[in-house]
Protein backbone atom coordinates (compact mmCIF):
# COMPACT_ATOMS: atom_id res chain seq x y z
CA UNK A 1 0.00 0.00 0.00
CA UNK A 2 2.81 2.42 0.83
CA UNK A 3 4.52 1.77 -2.51
CA UNK A 4 1.24 2.37 -4.39
CA UNK A 5 0.68 5.69 -2.63
CA UNK A 6 4.27 6.76 -3.39
CA UNK A 7 3.86 6.00 -7.10
CA UNK A 8 0.54 7.85 -7.24
CA UNK A 9 2.08 10.87 -5.52
CA UNK A 10 4.99 10.85 -7.99
CA UNK A 11 2.58 10.80 -10.94
CA UNK A 12 0.52 13.64 -9.47
CA UNK A 13 3.62 15.72 -8.70
CA UNK A 14 5.13 15.28 -12.19
CA UNK A 15 2.21 15.85 -14.59
CA UNK A 16 3.96 17.84 -17.33
CA UNK A 17 5.54 16.15 -20.36
CA UNK A 18 7.69 17.77 -23.04
CA UNK A 19 5.41 20.41 -24.67
CA UNK A 20 4.80 20.26 -28.42
CA UNK A 21 4.63 23.87 -29.67
CA UNK A 22 3.62 24.48 -33.27
CA UNK A 23 5.79 27.26 -34.75
CA UNK A 24 7.74 27.48 -31.48
CA UNK A 25 10.29 25.61 -29.40
CA UNK A 26 12.09 25.41 -26.07
CA UNK A 27 15.84 25.36 -25.43
CA UNK A 28 17.55 22.60 -27.42
CA UNK A 29 19.12 20.95 -24.38
CA UNK A 30 15.64 19.98 -23.15
CA UNK A 31 15.22 17.87 -26.30
CA UNK A 32 18.70 16.36 -25.96
CA UNK A 33 18.11 15.34 -22.33
CA UNK A 34 14.37 14.75 -22.48
CA UNK A 35 14.35 11.79 -20.09
CA UNK A 36 16.23 13.80 -17.47
CA UNK A 37 13.95 16.87 -17.46
CA UNK A 38 10.55 15.34 -18.20
CA UNK A 39 8.02 14.79 -16.88
CA UNK A 40 8.38 18.02 -14.83
CA UNK A 41 6.84 18.48 -11.41
CA UNK A 42 4.20 20.99 -10.29
CA UNK A 43 5.42 24.54 -9.85
CA UNK A 44 8.27 24.24 -12.36
CA UNK A 45 8.47 26.99 -14.97
CA UNK A 46 9.59 26.73 -18.60
CA UNK A 47 10.37 29.38 -21.21
CA UNK A 48 9.63 28.95 -24.90
CA UNK A 49 10.14 31.09 -27.99
CA UNK A 50 8.22 31.50 -31.22
CA UNK A 51 9.94 31.26 -34.61
CA UNK A 52 10.38 34.28 -36.86
CA UNK A 53 7.04 35.78 -37.92
CA UNK A 54 5.13 34.36 -34.95
CA UNK A 55 4.38 35.70 -31.45
CA UNK A 56 2.74 34.61 -28.23
CA UNK A 57 -0.85 35.67 -27.51
CA UNK A 58 0.49 38.73 -25.67
CA UNK A 59 2.50 39.76 -28.74
CA UNK A 60 5.98 38.87 -27.45
CA UNK A 61 8.58 36.57 -29.04
CA UNK A 62 9.02 34.56 -25.85
CA UNK A 63 6.54 33.11 -23.35
CA UNK A 64 6.66 31.42 -19.97
CA UNK A 65 4.53 28.52 -18.76
CA UNK A 66 4.06 26.83 -15.39
CA UNK A 67 3.50 23.15 -14.62
CA UNK A 68 0.20 22.52 -12.80
CA UNK A 69 -1.58 19.33 -11.81
CA UNK A 70 -3.61 19.66 -15.03
CA UNK A 71 -0.55 20.21 -17.24
CA UNK A 72 1.14 23.31 -18.67
CA UNK A 73 -0.56 26.65 -17.98
CA UNK A 74 -1.15 28.64 -20.02
CA UNK A 75 -1.05 26.28 -23.01
CA UNK A 76 2.00 27.41 -25.05
CA UNK A 77 0.93 28.73 -28.46
CA UNK A 78 2.52 30.78 -31.23
CA UNK A 79 0.40 32.90 -33.56
CA UNK A 80 1.31 34.39 -36.94
CA UNK A 81 1.69 38.15 -36.89
CA UNK A 82 -0.78 40.17 -38.95
CA UNK A 83 0.82 42.84 -41.14
CA UNK A 84 -1.09 45.94 -42.15
CA UNK A 85 -3.04 45.14 -45.37
CA UNK A 86 -3.12 47.29 -48.48
CA UNK A 87 -6.06 49.70 -48.76
CA UNK A 88 -6.98 51.85 -51.74
CA UNK A 89 -9.36 54.83 -51.49
CA UNK A 90 -9.17 54.80 -47.69
CA UNK A 91 -6.87 55.09 -44.68
CA UNK A 92 -6.16 53.40 -41.36
CA UNK A 93 -6.37 55.06 -37.97
CA UNK A 94 -3.25 53.25 -36.72
CA UNK A 95 0.29 53.79 -37.98
CA UNK A 96 1.47 50.39 -36.66
CA UNK A 97 2.66 47.83 -39.23
CA UNK A 98 2.40 44.60 -37.18
CA UNK A 99 -0.52 43.44 -35.03
CA UNK A 100 -0.84 40.65 -32.47
CA UNK A 101 -3.62 38.08 -32.21
CA UNK A 102 -7.10 39.48 -31.35
CA UNK A 103 -5.92 43.06 -32.01
CA UNK A 104 -8.25 45.24 -34.09
CA UNK A 105 -7.50 47.71 -36.87
CA UNK A 106 -9.97 50.45 -37.78
CA UNK A 107 -10.13 52.13 -41.17
CA UNK A 108 -12.21 54.72 -43.00
CA UNK A 109 -13.02 55.27 -46.66
CA UNK A 110 -12.46 58.46 -48.62
CA UNK A 111 -15.55 60.59 -49.48
CA UNK A 112 -17.70 58.82 -52.06
CA UNK A 113 -16.42 55.35 -51.14
CA UNK A 114 -17.91 52.67 -48.90
CA UNK A 115 -16.86 49.57 -46.97
CA UNK A 116 -18.25 46.14 -48.01
CA UNK A 117 -21.11 46.65 -45.53
CA UNK A 118 -21.99 50.06 -47.02
CA UNK A 119 -20.58 52.14 -44.15
CA UNK A 120 -17.85 54.76 -44.24
CA UNK A 121 -15.79 53.02 -41.52
CA UNK A 122 -15.15 49.43 -40.44
CA UNK A 123 -12.87 47.33 -38.22
CA UNK A 124 -10.91 44.16 -38.97
CA UNK A 125 -9.49 41.80 -36.36
CA UNK A 126 -6.23 39.83 -36.37
CA UNK A 127 -7.15 36.13 -36.12
CA UNK A 128 -5.04 32.94 -36.20
CA UNK A 129 -5.65 32.57 -39.97
CA UNK A 130 -5.07 36.28 -40.70
CA UNK A 131 -7.38 39.30 -40.85
CA UNK A 132 -11.09 38.63 -40.32
CA UNK A 133 -11.70 40.04 -43.81
CA UNK A 134 -9.90 42.12 -46.41
CA UNK A 135 -10.61 45.83 -45.82
CA UNK A 136 -11.71 47.63 -48.99
CA UNK A 137 -13.35 50.87 -50.13
CA UNK A 138 -15.51 50.77 -53.27
CA UNK A 139 -17.02 53.57 -55.30
CA UNK A 140 -20.62 52.71 -54.55
CA UNK A 141 -22.65 49.96 -52.83
CA UNK A 142 -23.99 47.19 -55.11
CA UNK A 143 -21.26 48.05 -57.58
CA UNK A 144 -20.53 45.35 -60.15
CA UNK A 145 -18.53 42.55 -58.56
CA UNK A 146 -15.67 41.00 -60.51
CA UNK A 147 -14.78 37.34 -60.05
CA UNK A 148 -11.19 36.07 -59.83
CA UNK A 149 -9.58 33.24 -61.78
CA UNK A 150 -7.67 30.48 -59.97
CA UNK A 151 -5.14 31.90 -57.46
CA UNK A 152 -1.48 32.23 -58.54
CA UNK A 153 0.92 29.32 -58.21
CA UNK A 154 3.81 29.82 -55.77
CA UNK A 155 7.14 27.96 -55.68
CA UNK A 156 7.45 25.23 -53.03
CA UNK A 157 3.86 25.74 -51.89
CA UNK A 158 0.24 25.83 -52.93
CA UNK A 159 -3.39 26.42 -51.99
CA UNK A 160 -5.03 24.28 -49.33
CA UNK A 161 -8.12 22.47 -50.56
CA UNK A 162 -9.50 22.04 -54.09
CA UNK A 163 -8.93 24.72 -56.72
CA UNK A 164 -11.94 26.33 -58.43
CA UNK A 165 -12.18 27.79 -61.91
CA UNK A 166 -13.32 31.14 -60.49
CA UNK A 167 -13.90 32.80 -57.15
CA UNK A 168 -16.46 35.39 -56.08
CA UNK A 169 -15.30 38.86 -55.07
CA UNK A 170 -14.41 38.91 -51.36
CA UNK A 171 -13.74 35.15 -51.12
CA UNK A 172 -10.36 33.89 -49.91
CA UNK A 173 -7.96 30.95 -50.10
CA UNK A 174 -5.19 29.85 -47.77
CA UNK A 175 -1.64 28.97 -48.85
CA UNK A 176 0.74 26.50 -47.22
CA UNK A 177 4.36 25.58 -47.89
CA UNK A 178 6.01 22.23 -48.46
CA UNK A 179 7.54 20.48 -45.44
CA UNK A 180 10.42 22.43 -43.84
CA UNK A 181 9.75 25.55 -45.94
CA UNK A 182 9.00 28.80 -44.08
CA UNK A 183 5.90 30.73 -45.18
CA UNK A 184 6.77 34.42 -45.52
CA UNK A 185 3.91 36.86 -46.05
CA UNK A 186 0.12 36.54 -45.70
CA UNK A 187 -1.11 32.94 -45.64
CA UNK A 188 -4.65 34.11 -46.52
CA UNK A 189 -5.16 35.71 -49.96
CA UNK A 190 -8.37 37.49 -50.99
CA UNK A 191 -10.20 38.03 -54.29
CA UNK A 192 -10.51 41.80 -54.63
CA UNK A 193 -12.53 42.89 -57.70
CA UNK A 194 -10.92 40.44 -60.09
CA UNK A 195 -7.42 40.54 -58.60
CA UNK A 196 -5.81 38.45 -55.86
CA UNK A 197 -4.11 40.26 -53.00
CA UNK A 198 -0.41 39.69 -52.27
CA UNK A 199 0.69 36.05 -52.20
CA UNK A 200 3.21 34.61 -49.73
CA UNK A 201 6.55 33.06 -50.63
CA UNK A 202 8.01 29.80 -49.31
CA UNK A 203 11.58 30.22 -48.08
CA UNK A 204 13.87 27.22 -48.45
CA UNK A 205 15.32 25.40 -45.42
CA UNK A 206 19.00 24.79 -44.69
CA UNK A 207 20.30 21.23 -44.90
CA UNK A 208 23.58 20.68 -43.06
CA UNK A 209 26.36 19.13 -45.11
CA UNK A 210 28.30 16.56 -43.07
CA UNK A 211 31.33 16.87 -45.37
CA UNK A 212 31.50 20.65 -44.86
CA UNK A 213 31.12 20.17 -41.10
CA UNK A 214 33.97 17.65 -41.03
CA UNK A 215 36.28 19.86 -43.08
CA UNK A 216 35.59 22.78 -40.71
CA UNK A 217 36.13 20.51 -37.67
CA UNK A 218 32.72 21.25 -36.18
CA UNK A 219 29.74 19.28 -34.87
CA UNK A 220 26.25 20.26 -33.77
CA UNK A 221 26.19 21.46 -30.17
CA UNK A 222 22.83 19.78 -29.53
CA UNK A 223 22.11 16.32 -30.85
CA UNK A 224 19.10 15.97 -33.14
CA UNK A 225 17.84 13.37 -35.59
CA UNK A 226 17.41 15.62 -38.63
CA UNK A 227 19.98 17.98 -40.13
CA UNK A 228 17.37 20.36 -41.56
CA UNK A 229 16.68 23.85 -40.18
CA UNK A 230 13.99 26.37 -41.16
CA UNK A 231 14.68 29.87 -42.43
CA UNK A 232 15.43 32.05 -39.41
CA UNK A 233 16.51 29.17 -37.15
CA UNK A 234 19.65 29.65 -35.07
CA UNK A 235 22.16 26.78 -35.34
CA UNK A 236 24.82 26.18 -32.71
CA UNK A 237 28.06 24.34 -33.49
CA UNK A 238 30.98 23.31 -31.31
CA UNK A 239 34.53 22.35 -32.15
CA UNK A 240 35.72 18.77 -32.37
CA UNK A 241 38.10 17.60 -29.68
CA UNK A 242 41.50 19.25 -29.99
CA UNK A 243 40.15 22.17 -32.02
CA UNK A 244 38.82 25.57 -30.99
CA UNK A 245 37.46 28.95 -32.05
CA UNK A 246 39.56 32.09 -31.95
CA UNK A 247 38.76 34.15 -28.85
CA UNK A 248 37.15 37.23 -30.33
CA UNK A 249 34.59 39.80 -29.26
CA UNK A 250 31.86 37.64 -30.81
CA UNK A 251 29.75 36.33 -27.90
CA UNK A 252 28.79 33.05 -29.61
CA UNK A 253 31.34 32.23 -32.35
CA UNK A 254 29.73 28.84 -33.00
CA UNK A 255 26.26 30.23 -33.67
CA UNK A 256 24.93 30.93 -37.17
CA UNK A 257 21.50 31.42 -38.73
CA UNK A 258 19.66 29.83 -41.64
CA UNK A 259 18.88 32.54 -44.21
CA UNK A 260 16.97 31.76 -47.42
CA UNK A 261 18.35 28.23 -47.53
CA UNK A 262 21.94 29.32 -46.93
CA UNK A 263 24.18 29.39 -43.86
CA UNK A 264 27.76 30.22 -42.94
CA UNK A 265 29.72 27.43 -41.29
CA UNK A 266 32.04 28.50 -38.47
CA UNK A 267 35.55 27.04 -38.70
CA UNK A 268 37.57 25.49 -35.90
CA UNK A 269 41.35 25.24 -36.03
CA UNK A 270 43.89 23.08 -34.23
CA UNK A 271 44.73 24.43 -30.80
CA UNK A 272 48.24 25.82 -30.80
CA UNK A 273 50.25 29.03 -30.50
CA UNK A 274 48.39 30.60 -33.43
CA UNK A 275 44.68 30.01 -33.86
CA UNK A 276 42.19 31.90 -35.90
CA UNK A 277 38.47 31.96 -36.66
CA UNK A 278 36.80 32.17 -40.03
CA UNK A 279 33.32 31.89 -41.48
CA UNK A 280 33.14 29.94 -44.71
CA UNK A 281 29.98 30.45 -46.73
CA UNK A 282 28.28 27.30 -47.96
C-alpha cells in the first residue's frame, strides 16, 4: 500500500511532459536530455520562444509557462503576426505595421467610397488565420462585382483544398508551404474585384552538409535526428576535440542562422600558439 501511494504521488507531482509547440520551441538541451527533465513536477516553470514571424498571444517573441496538476498553464501557443493590409481609397487610424492576435485595426473610406457593408468606416481583427476580412473601399454599394480566376501558383507551396475555376469577389484561399519551408507573407489571400491580393513566398530550409562540417572541424552542439533547419533558425556548433574557435569579441562564435536556404559554417582550427576563426559560406 505504501509503494502504491508513493507512485501515485509521484505521478501527481510530475504531470507535465515535453510540450509540443507548433511554430515554437524550447531550449535545445531539453530535447537532448528529455528523459532527465521530463516529466516536470508541479510549480516548475519553462520558457519557450516563437519562430520568426510568430508571437505569443500577448504579442511577445518569448513566453513562460508553469507546470500545474492539469498540465502546462497557459497552453503554449505561437500565432502568426498580422501585417497591415493594403487599402486603396481609404486610410487606417493606426500607424502600426504589425498586429498581435485578437488586435483590431480600424479604417475609414475616402468621401464617395464605402466599406463592403456600405458604411464609411469598419474594423478588422487579427485572427489565427489572418485578418477577419480584407478591408476595402468601393465607389458605390452594389457596384458590379468581378470574379477572380484560380489563385497564382507559388514555388514550393500551394493552396489548401480544391482549386476552383473562379472565385467570387471577397472570397479567400489559404496557402501552405512544403515540409520544412518557411511561409513568408500573408497565408490568406483574398479576391478583390478580379485581382488576388499579395501572395506569400516559401523560403527554403538549410540542410547541413556533413562533409562541410567535417572539413571545418565542427559538430552540432545539440544532438538531433534531422539535419534540416527552417529559415530564421539559429544553429549552434561546437569544435571537435582538440580544435577551438579564436577568442574574439563575438559572444557566440559557434552560432549561425539559416537565411533563405543558406548558412555560414564557423571554422575550428587546431589548438596551438596561433589560432584563428573564419566563417566559410556554404
